[in-house]
């Protein structure tokens, strides 16, 4: 009887340790495909202008930028990202953001928020 109790105790201890070593992070439901957002700069305006877009943690975002002159997009993530685009059509990639929350993507030249990424 003692051996059965001892074996049971060892088994329960092993199971407890195995589950304690698991990750506390929720798995991303996760699309590995990048989220694509079309962005247009014309004069002093940008489209979209402040829209909220949901993305998964770690998911890349591709901005397909059409612009009448070159410029730069600033991503207020950690670490921050600065993405240059050329006149005409350019695709720039925002590297996956791991921290849940809202991240502003903006044009400092126009002083406008392009999109707010809701990282889930």
Protein backbone atom coordinates (compact mmCIF):
# COMPACT_ATOMS: atom_id res chain seq x y z
CA UNK A 1 0.00 0.00 0.00
CA UNK A 2 2.89 2.37 0.79
CA UNK A 3 4.37 1.77 -2.66
CA UNK A 4 1.06 2.66 -4.34
CA UNK A 5 0.79 5.87 -2.30
CA UNK A 6 4.44 6.74 -2.96
CA UNK A 7 4.04 6.07 -6.68
CA UNK A 8 0.89 8.18 -6.80
CA UNK A 9 2.64 11.03 -4.97
CA UNK A 10 5.58 10.93 -7.38
CA UNK A 11 3.25 10.86 -10.39
CA UNK A 12 1.21 13.83 -9.12
CA UNK A 13 4.40 15.79 -8.39
CA UNK A 14 5.71 15.12 -11.89
CA UNK A 15 2.42 16.23 -13.46
CA UNK A 16 2.39 19.41 -11.38
CA UNK A 17 5.95 20.27 -12.43
CA UNK A 18 5.22 19.52 -16.09
CA UNK A 19 2.25 21.90 -16.16
CA UNK A 20 4.14 24.57 -14.20
CA UNK A 21 6.83 24.69 -16.89
CA UNK A 22 4.32 25.61 -19.58
CA UNK A 23 4.04 29.11 -20.98
CA UNK A 24 1.66 31.60 -19.37
CA UNK A 25 1.14 33.31 -22.73
CA UNK A 26 -2.02 32.60 -24.60
CA UNK A 27 -1.31 31.05 -27.96
CA UNK A 28 -1.93 33.38 -30.85
CA UNK A 29 -4.87 32.26 -32.93
CA UNK A 30 -2.55 33.43 -35.42
CA UNK A 31 -2.43 34.14 -38.98
CA UNK A 32 1.10 33.97 -40.29
CA UNK A 33 -0.01 35.93 -43.34
CA UNK A 34 0.69 39.65 -43.09
CA UNK A 35 -2.22 42.06 -42.76
CA UNK A 36 -2.27 44.29 -45.86
CA UNK A 37 -3.38 47.93 -45.59
CA UNK A 38 -3.53 50.27 -48.57
CA UNK A 39 -2.31 53.79 -47.77
CA UNK A 40 -2.57 56.81 -50.08
CA UNK A 41 -0.79 60.13 -49.60
CA UNK A 42 -2.08 63.02 -51.73
CA UNK A 43 -0.93 66.52 -50.88
CA UNK A 44 -1.81 67.16 -47.23
CA UNK A 45 -4.15 64.18 -46.87
CA UNK A 46 -3.74 60.49 -46.10
CA UNK A 47 -6.16 57.60 -46.47
CA UNK A 48 -6.95 55.81 -44.22
CA UNK A 49 -7.01 58.52 -41.58
CA UNK A 50 -7.09 57.16 -38.02
CA UNK A 51 -8.90 53.86 -38.78
CA UNK A 52 -8.55 51.03 -36.24
CA UNK A 53 -7.27 47.73 -37.61
CA UNK A 54 -7.10 44.50 -35.59
CA UNK A 55 -4.01 42.32 -35.87
CA UNK A 56 -2.68 39.28 -34.03
CA UNK A 57 0.37 39.47 -31.78
CA UNK A 58 3.48 38.95 -33.89
CA UNK A 59 1.63 39.40 -37.20
CA UNK A 60 3.46 41.53 -39.78
CA UNK A 61 1.59 44.39 -41.44
CA UNK A 62 2.30 45.33 -45.05
CA UNK A 63 1.51 48.91 -46.00
CA UNK A 64 0.98 49.31 -49.73
CA UNK A 65 1.79 53.00 -50.02
CA UNK A 66 0.87 55.15 -53.01
CA UNK A 67 2.34 58.64 -52.61
CA UNK A 68 2.79 61.80 -54.63
CA UNK A 69 6.16 62.40 -52.91
CA UNK A 70 8.54 60.37 -50.72
CA UNK A 71 8.16 60.32 -46.96
CA UNK A 72 8.37 58.34 -43.77
CA UNK A 73 5.90 56.46 -41.58
CA UNK A 74 6.48 56.23 -37.83
CA UNK A 75 5.22 53.21 -35.85
CA UNK A 76 4.91 53.85 -32.10
CA UNK A 77 5.71 50.25 -31.11
CA UNK A 78 8.40 48.95 -28.78
CA UNK A 79 10.88 49.20 -30.37
CA UNK A 80 9.68 52.06 -32.54
CA UNK A 81 9.87 51.60 -36.30
CA UNK A 82 10.48 54.18 -39.03
CA UNK A 83 9.59 53.17 -42.57
CA UNK A 84 10.60 55.19 -45.62
CA UNK A 85 8.52 55.12 -48.79
CA UNK A 86 9.21 56.48 -52.26
CA UNK A 87 7.12 58.52 -54.66
CA UNK A 88 4.80 56.19 -56.55
CA UNK A 89 3.96 52.79 -55.08
CA UNK A 90 6.01 51.19 -52.31
CA UNK A 91 5.35 48.28 -49.96
CA UNK A 92 6.78 48.67 -46.46
CA UNK A 93 6.49 46.12 -43.65
CA UNK A 94 5.76 46.77 -40.01
CA UNK A 95 7.48 43.94 -38.13
CA UNK A 96 5.22 41.90 -35.86
CA UNK A 97 4.32 43.57 -32.57
CA UNK A 98 4.28 41.23 -29.58
CA UNK A 99 2.78 43.53 -26.95
CA UNK A 100 -1.05 43.61 -26.89
CA UNK A 101 -2.63 47.07 -27.04
CA UNK A 102 -3.06 49.94 -29.47
CA UNK A 103 -0.16 51.16 -31.60
CA UNK A 104 -0.33 54.40 -33.58
CA UNK A 105 1.05 54.46 -37.11
CA UNK A 106 1.48 58.03 -38.28
CA UNK A 107 3.00 60.52 -40.65
CA UNK A 108 5.00 63.08 -38.69
CA UNK A 109 5.24 65.22 -41.84
CA UNK A 110 1.44 65.55 -42.02
CA UNK A 111 0.99 65.26 -38.24
CA UNK A 112 -1.76 62.67 -38.84
CA UNK A 113 -2.49 59.18 -37.57
CA UNK A 114 -2.79 56.78 -40.50
CA UNK A 115 -4.07 53.75 -38.59
CA UNK A 116 -4.24 52.48 -35.03
CA UNK A 117 -3.23 48.84 -34.82
CA UNK A 118 -5.15 46.91 -32.17
CA UNK A 119 -2.77 44.11 -31.25
CA UNK A 120 -4.62 41.12 -29.77
